[in-house]
Amino acid sequence: MFIETPALREALSAVRTDSDNDDQRRIVNAFYRTNLYIRQNRHLQIELGIIDQETSSAIGGVGLYQFRDFREFWSAAKANYEPGFQEYFERVVLSQPSTAE
């Protein structure tokens, strides 16, 4: 995954090495929420018949979601998302193989 923003790149590195500060954690959490918003949009597009599951999977990778820090974030945040999205995300996205740590 290529991250253009130096502050985000540094924050992700710090979080993944457990050396982050509060500001870096906020940056990473905002990044994760934004990515979940995109996935939620795709889920709704599938539900509405705008795109199919195959197209949704082809649009974007899942590497980000395989990192330990994202999975910790998801465990804490998933209650904020409707049950249908939680089920879709865990069944379809989190279950996909990745080369992430």
N, C-alpha and C. Protein backbone atom coordinates (compact mmCIF):
# COMPACT_ATOMS: atom_id res chain seq x y z
N MET A 1 0.86 -1.17 0.00
CA MET A 1 0.00 0.00 0.00
C MET A 1 0.90 1.23 0.00
N PHE A 2 0.61 2.19 -0.86
CA PHE A 2 1.38 3.42 -0.95
C PHE A 2 0.63 4.53 -0.23
N ILE A 3 1.28 5.15 0.73
CA ILE A 3 0.69 6.25 1.49
C ILE A 3 1.46 7.51 1.15
N GLU A 4 0.77 8.48 0.53
CA GLU A 4 1.43 9.71 0.11
C GLU A 4 1.69 10.69 1.24
N THR A 5 0.80 10.77 2.20
CA THR A 5 0.91 11.76 3.25
C THR A 5 1.96 11.35 4.29
N PRO A 6 3.03 12.14 4.44
CA PRO A 6 4.08 11.76 5.39
C PRO A 6 3.55 11.56 6.82
N ALA A 7 2.63 12.42 7.26
CA ALA A 7 2.11 12.29 8.62
C ALA A 7 1.37 10.96 8.80
N LEU A 8 0.61 10.55 7.81
CA LEU A 8 -0.10 9.27 7.90
C LEU A 8 0.88 8.11 7.82
N ARG A 9 1.83 8.20 6.93
CA ARG A 9 2.84 7.14 6.80
C ARG A 9 3.58 6.96 8.13
N GLU A 10 3.98 8.06 8.75
CA GLU A 10 4.68 8.00 10.04
C GLU A 10 3.77 7.47 11.14
N ALA A 11 2.52 7.89 11.12
CA ALA A 11 1.57 7.44 12.14
C ALA A 11 1.31 5.94 12.03
N LEU A 12 1.13 5.44 10.81
CA LEU A 12 0.92 4.01 10.62
C LEU A 12 2.13 3.21 11.10
N SER A 13 3.31 3.70 10.77
CA SER A 13 4.53 3.02 11.21
C SER A 13 4.62 3.00 12.73
N ALA A 14 4.31 4.12 13.35
CA ALA A 14 4.37 4.20 14.82
C ALA A 14 3.35 3.27 15.47
N VAL A 15 2.14 3.25 14.93
CA VAL A 15 1.10 2.38 15.49
C VAL A 15 1.51 0.92 15.35
N ARG A 16 2.06 0.57 14.22
CA ARG A 16 2.41 -0.84 13.97
C ARG A 16 3.63 -1.30 14.76
N THR A 17 4.38 -0.35 15.31
CA THR A 17 5.51 -0.72 16.16
C THR A 17 5.24 -0.38 17.63
N ASP A 18 3.98 -0.07 17.91
CA ASP A 18 3.55 0.27 19.29
C ASP A 18 4.36 1.42 19.88
N SER A 19 4.70 2.40 19.05
CA SER A 19 5.43 3.57 19.53
C SER A 19 4.68 4.86 19.20
N ASP A 20 3.37 4.75 19.04
CA ASP A 20 2.56 5.90 18.64
C ASP A 20 2.21 6.78 19.83
N ASN A 21 1.92 8.05 19.50
CA ASN A 21 1.40 8.97 20.51
C ASN A 21 -0.09 9.21 20.21
N ASP A 22 -0.75 10.01 21.02
CA ASP A 22 -2.19 10.23 20.85
C ASP A 22 -2.54 10.82 19.49
N ASP A 23 -1.74 11.78 19.02
CA ASP A 23 -2.02 12.39 17.71
C ASP A 23 -1.89 11.38 16.59
N GLN A 24 -0.86 10.55 16.64
CA GLN A 24 -0.68 9.54 15.61
C GLN A 24 -1.82 8.52 15.63
N ARG A 25 -2.26 8.17 16.81
CA ARG A 25 -3.38 7.22 16.92
C ARG A 25 -4.65 7.84 16.32
N ARG A 26 -4.87 9.13 16.57
CA ARG A 26 -6.05 9.81 15.99
C ARG A 26 -5.97 9.83 14.46
N ILE A 27 -4.78 10.09 13.93
CA ILE A 27 -4.60 10.11 12.46
C ILE A 27 -4.93 8.74 11.89
N VAL A 28 -4.41 7.70 12.48
CA VAL A 28 -4.63 6.34 11.97
C VAL A 28 -6.11 5.96 12.12
N ASN A 29 -6.71 6.27 13.24
CA ASN A 29 -8.13 5.94 13.42
C ASN A 29 -9.01 6.66 12.40
N ALA A 30 -8.68 7.92 12.09
CA ALA A 30 -9.45 8.65 11.07
C ALA A 30 -9.26 7.98 9.70
N PHE A 31 -8.06 7.54 9.41
CA PHE A 31 -7.77 6.83 8.16
C PHE A 31 -8.58 5.54 8.09
N TYR A 32 -8.63 4.80 9.19
CA TYR A 32 -9.39 3.55 9.21
C TYR A 32 -10.89 3.81 9.06
N ARG A 33 -11.40 4.84 9.74
CA ARG A 33 -12.83 5.16 9.60
C ARG A 33 -13.17 5.54 8.17
N THR A 34 -12.28 6.28 7.51
CA THR A 34 -12.50 6.67 6.11
C THR A 34 -12.55 5.44 5.22
N ASN A 35 -11.63 4.52 5.43
CA ASN A 35 -11.63 3.30 4.62
C ASN A 35 -12.86 2.44 4.90
N LEU A 36 -13.31 2.41 6.14
CA LEU A 36 -14.54 1.67 6.44
C LEU A 36 -15.75 2.33 5.78
N TYR A 37 -15.75 3.66 5.70
CA TYR A 37 -16.83 4.36 5.04
C TYR A 37 -16.91 3.94 3.56
N ILE A 38 -15.75 3.82 2.93
CA ILE A 38 -15.71 3.39 1.53
C ILE A 38 -16.25 1.97 1.41
N ARG A 39 -15.83 1.08 2.30
CA ARG A 39 -16.34 -0.30 2.28
C ARG A 39 -17.83 -0.36 2.57
N GLN A 40 -18.30 0.50 3.45
CA GLN A 40 -19.73 0.54 3.76
C GLN A 40 -20.50 0.98 2.52
N ASN A 41 -19.96 1.94 1.80
CA ASN A 41 -20.58 2.39 0.56
C ASN A 41 -20.66 1.25 -0.44
N ARG A 42 -19.59 0.48 -0.58
CA ARG A 42 -19.61 -0.67 -1.49
C ARG A 42 -20.65 -1.69 -1.07
N HIS A 43 -20.74 -1.92 0.23
CA HIS A 43 -21.74 -2.86 0.75
C HIS A 43 -23.15 -2.40 0.36
N LEU A 44 -23.41 -1.12 0.52
CA LEU A 44 -24.74 -0.59 0.15
C LEU A 44 -24.97 -0.68 -1.35
N GLN A 45 -23.93 -0.47 -2.15
CA GLN A 45 -24.07 -0.60 -3.60
C GLN A 45 -24.42 -2.04 -3.98
N ILE A 46 -23.83 -3.00 -3.29
CA ILE A 46 -24.17 -4.40 -3.53
C ILE A 46 -25.62 -4.65 -3.14
N GLU A 47 -26.01 -4.17 -1.98
CA GLU A 47 -27.38 -4.36 -1.49
C GLU A 47 -28.40 -3.76 -2.46
N LEU A 48 -28.06 -2.64 -3.08
CA LEU A 48 -28.96 -1.97 -4.01
C LEU A 48 -28.87 -2.52 -5.43
N GLY A 49 -27.95 -3.44 -5.67
CA GLY A 49 -27.79 -4.02 -7.00
C GLY A 49 -27.03 -3.15 -7.98
N ILE A 50 -26.34 -2.15 -7.49
CA ILE A 50 -25.57 -1.26 -8.36
C ILE A 50 -24.31 -1.96 -8.85
N ILE A 51 -23.66 -2.68 -7.95
CA ILE A 51 -22.50 -3.50 -8.31
C ILE A 51 -22.70 -4.89 -7.69
N ASP A 52 -21.94 -5.86 -8.20
CA ASP A 52 -22.02 -7.20 -7.61
C ASP A 52 -20.79 -7.43 -6.73
N GLN A 53 -20.79 -8.55 -6.01
CA GLN A 53 -19.70 -8.85 -5.10
C GLN A 53 -18.36 -8.96 -5.81
N GLU A 54 -18.37 -9.56 -6.98
CA GLU A 54 -17.13 -9.72 -7.75
C GLU A 54 -16.53 -8.36 -8.10
N THR A 55 -17.37 -7.44 -8.54
CA THR A 55 -16.90 -6.09 -8.88
C THR A 55 -16.37 -5.39 -7.64
N SER A 56 -17.09 -5.51 -6.55
CA SER A 56 -16.65 -4.89 -5.30
C SER A 56 -15.28 -5.40 -4.89
N SER A 57 -15.08 -6.69 -5.00
CA SER A 57 -13.78 -7.27 -4.62
C SER A 57 -12.67 -6.82 -5.56
N ALA A 58 -13.01 -6.64 -6.84
CA ALA A 58 -12.00 -6.24 -7.82
C ALA A 58 -11.59 -4.77 -7.67
N ILE A 59 -12.46 -3.95 -7.10
CA ILE A 59 -12.20 -2.52 -7.00
C ILE A 59 -11.04 -2.20 -6.06
N GLY A 60 -10.99 -2.88 -4.94
CA GLY A 60 -9.97 -2.48 -3.98
C GLY A 60 -9.47 -3.61 -3.13
N GLY A 61 -8.24 -3.43 -2.68
CA GLY A 61 -7.56 -4.45 -1.90
C GLY A 61 -8.05 -4.56 -0.47
N VAL A 62 -7.52 -5.58 0.17
CA VAL A 62 -7.89 -5.85 1.55
C VAL A 62 -6.69 -5.83 2.48
N GLY A 63 -5.52 -5.53 1.94
CA GLY A 63 -4.30 -5.57 2.74
C GLY A 63 -4.38 -4.78 4.03
N LEU A 64 -4.90 -3.58 3.96
CA LEU A 64 -5.02 -2.73 5.14
C LEU A 64 -5.75 -3.43 6.27
N TYR A 65 -6.78 -4.17 5.92
CA TYR A 65 -7.66 -4.77 6.91
C TYR A 65 -7.05 -5.99 7.58
N GLN A 66 -5.92 -6.46 7.10
CA GLN A 66 -5.29 -7.65 7.66
C GLN A 66 -4.26 -7.34 8.75
N PHE A 67 -3.92 -6.08 8.91
CA PHE A 67 -2.95 -5.72 9.94
C PHE A 67 -3.56 -5.83 11.33
N ARG A 68 -2.73 -6.25 12.28
CA ARG A 68 -3.15 -6.42 13.67
C ARG A 68 -3.80 -5.14 14.21
N ASP A 69 -3.19 -3.98 13.94
CA ASP A 69 -3.73 -2.74 14.50
C ASP A 69 -5.11 -2.41 13.92
N PHE A 70 -5.34 -2.74 12.64
CA PHE A 70 -6.68 -2.51 12.11
C PHE A 70 -7.68 -3.44 12.77
N ARG A 71 -7.30 -4.69 12.96
CA ARG A 71 -8.22 -5.65 13.57
C ARG A 71 -8.57 -5.25 15.00
N GLU A 72 -7.62 -4.67 15.72
CA GLU A 72 -7.90 -4.15 17.06
C GLU A 72 -8.88 -2.97 16.96
N PHE A 73 -8.63 -2.10 15.98
CA PHE A 73 -9.54 -0.96 15.76
C PHE A 73 -10.95 -1.47 15.45
N TRP A 74 -11.06 -2.44 14.55
CA TRP A 74 -12.35 -2.98 14.16
C TRP A 74 -13.08 -3.60 15.36
N SER A 75 -12.37 -4.33 16.18
CA SER A 75 -13.00 -4.94 17.36
C SER A 75 -13.63 -3.88 18.26
N ALA A 76 -12.96 -2.76 18.39
CA ALA A 76 -13.47 -1.68 19.25
C ALA A 76 -14.56 -0.87 18.57
N ALA A 77 -14.51 -0.76 17.23
CA ALA A 77 -15.42 0.15 16.51
C ALA A 77 -16.61 -0.52 15.86
N LYS A 78 -16.60 -1.84 15.69
CA LYS A 78 -17.63 -2.47 14.87
C LYS A 78 -19.05 -2.29 15.40
N ALA A 79 -19.22 -2.09 16.69
CA ALA A 79 -20.56 -1.87 17.24
C ALA A 79 -21.17 -0.58 16.70
N ASN A 80 -20.36 0.30 16.15
CA ASN A 80 -20.85 1.56 15.57
C ASN A 80 -21.44 1.38 14.18
N TYR A 81 -21.33 0.18 13.63
CA TYR A 81 -21.81 -0.09 12.28
C TYR A 81 -22.99 -1.04 12.35
N GLU A 82 -23.90 -0.90 11.39
CA GLU A 82 -25.11 -1.73 11.42
C GLU A 82 -24.75 -3.20 11.23
N PRO A 83 -25.54 -4.09 11.82
CA PRO A 83 -25.23 -5.52 11.81
C PRO A 83 -25.01 -6.11 10.42
N GLY A 84 -25.76 -5.67 9.44
CA GLY A 84 -25.58 -6.19 8.08
C GLY A 84 -24.20 -5.88 7.52
N PHE A 85 -23.72 -4.68 7.80
CA PHE A 85 -22.37 -4.32 7.35
C PHE A 85 -21.33 -5.10 8.12
N GLN A 86 -21.52 -5.25 9.42
CA GLN A 86 -20.57 -6.03 10.23
C GLN A 86 -20.41 -7.44 9.66
N GLU A 87 -21.53 -8.08 9.36
CA GLU A 87 -21.51 -9.45 8.84
C GLU A 87 -20.81 -9.49 7.49
N TYR A 88 -21.18 -8.56 6.59
CA TYR A 88 -20.55 -8.48 5.27
C TYR A 88 -19.04 -8.27 5.40
N PHE A 89 -18.66 -7.31 6.22
CA PHE A 89 -17.25 -6.96 6.35
C PHE A 89 -16.44 -8.14 6.88
N GLU A 90 -16.95 -8.81 7.89
CA GLU A 90 -16.21 -9.93 8.46
C GLU A 90 -16.21 -11.15 7.54
N ARG A 91 -17.33 -11.40 6.89
CA ARG A 91 -17.44 -12.57 6.01
C ARG A 91 -16.68 -12.37 4.70
N VAL A 92 -16.81 -11.19 4.11
CA VAL A 92 -16.26 -10.97 2.77
C VAL A 92 -14.87 -10.33 2.80
N VAL A 93 -14.70 -9.30 3.57
CA VAL A 93 -13.45 -8.53 3.52
C VAL A 93 -12.37 -9.13 4.42
N LEU A 94 -12.69 -9.32 5.69
CA LEU A 94 -11.67 -9.80 6.62
C LEU A 94 -11.23 -11.22 6.34
N SER A 95 -12.06 -11.98 5.68
CA SER A 95 -11.71 -13.38 5.43
C SER A 95 -10.80 -13.56 4.21
N GLN A 96 -10.59 -12.50 3.43
CA GLN A 96 -9.76 -12.61 2.24
C GLN A 96 -8.29 -12.67 2.62
N PRO A 97 -7.51 -13.51 1.94
CA PRO A 97 -6.08 -13.61 2.24
C PRO A 97 -5.33 -12.34 1.85
N SER A 98 -4.26 -12.09 2.56
CA SER A 98 -3.46 -10.91 2.29
C SER A 98 -2.00 -11.22 2.60
N THR A 99 -1.13 -10.38 2.11
CA THR A 99 0.30 -10.51 2.42
C THR A 99 0.69 -9.60 3.57
N ALA A 100 -0.28 -8.92 4.19
CA ALA A 100 0.02 -8.03 5.32
C ALA A 100 0.50 -8.85 6.50
N GLU A 101 1.14 -8.16 7.46
CA GLU A 101 1.67 -8.85 8.64
C GLU A 101 0.60 -9.52 9.46
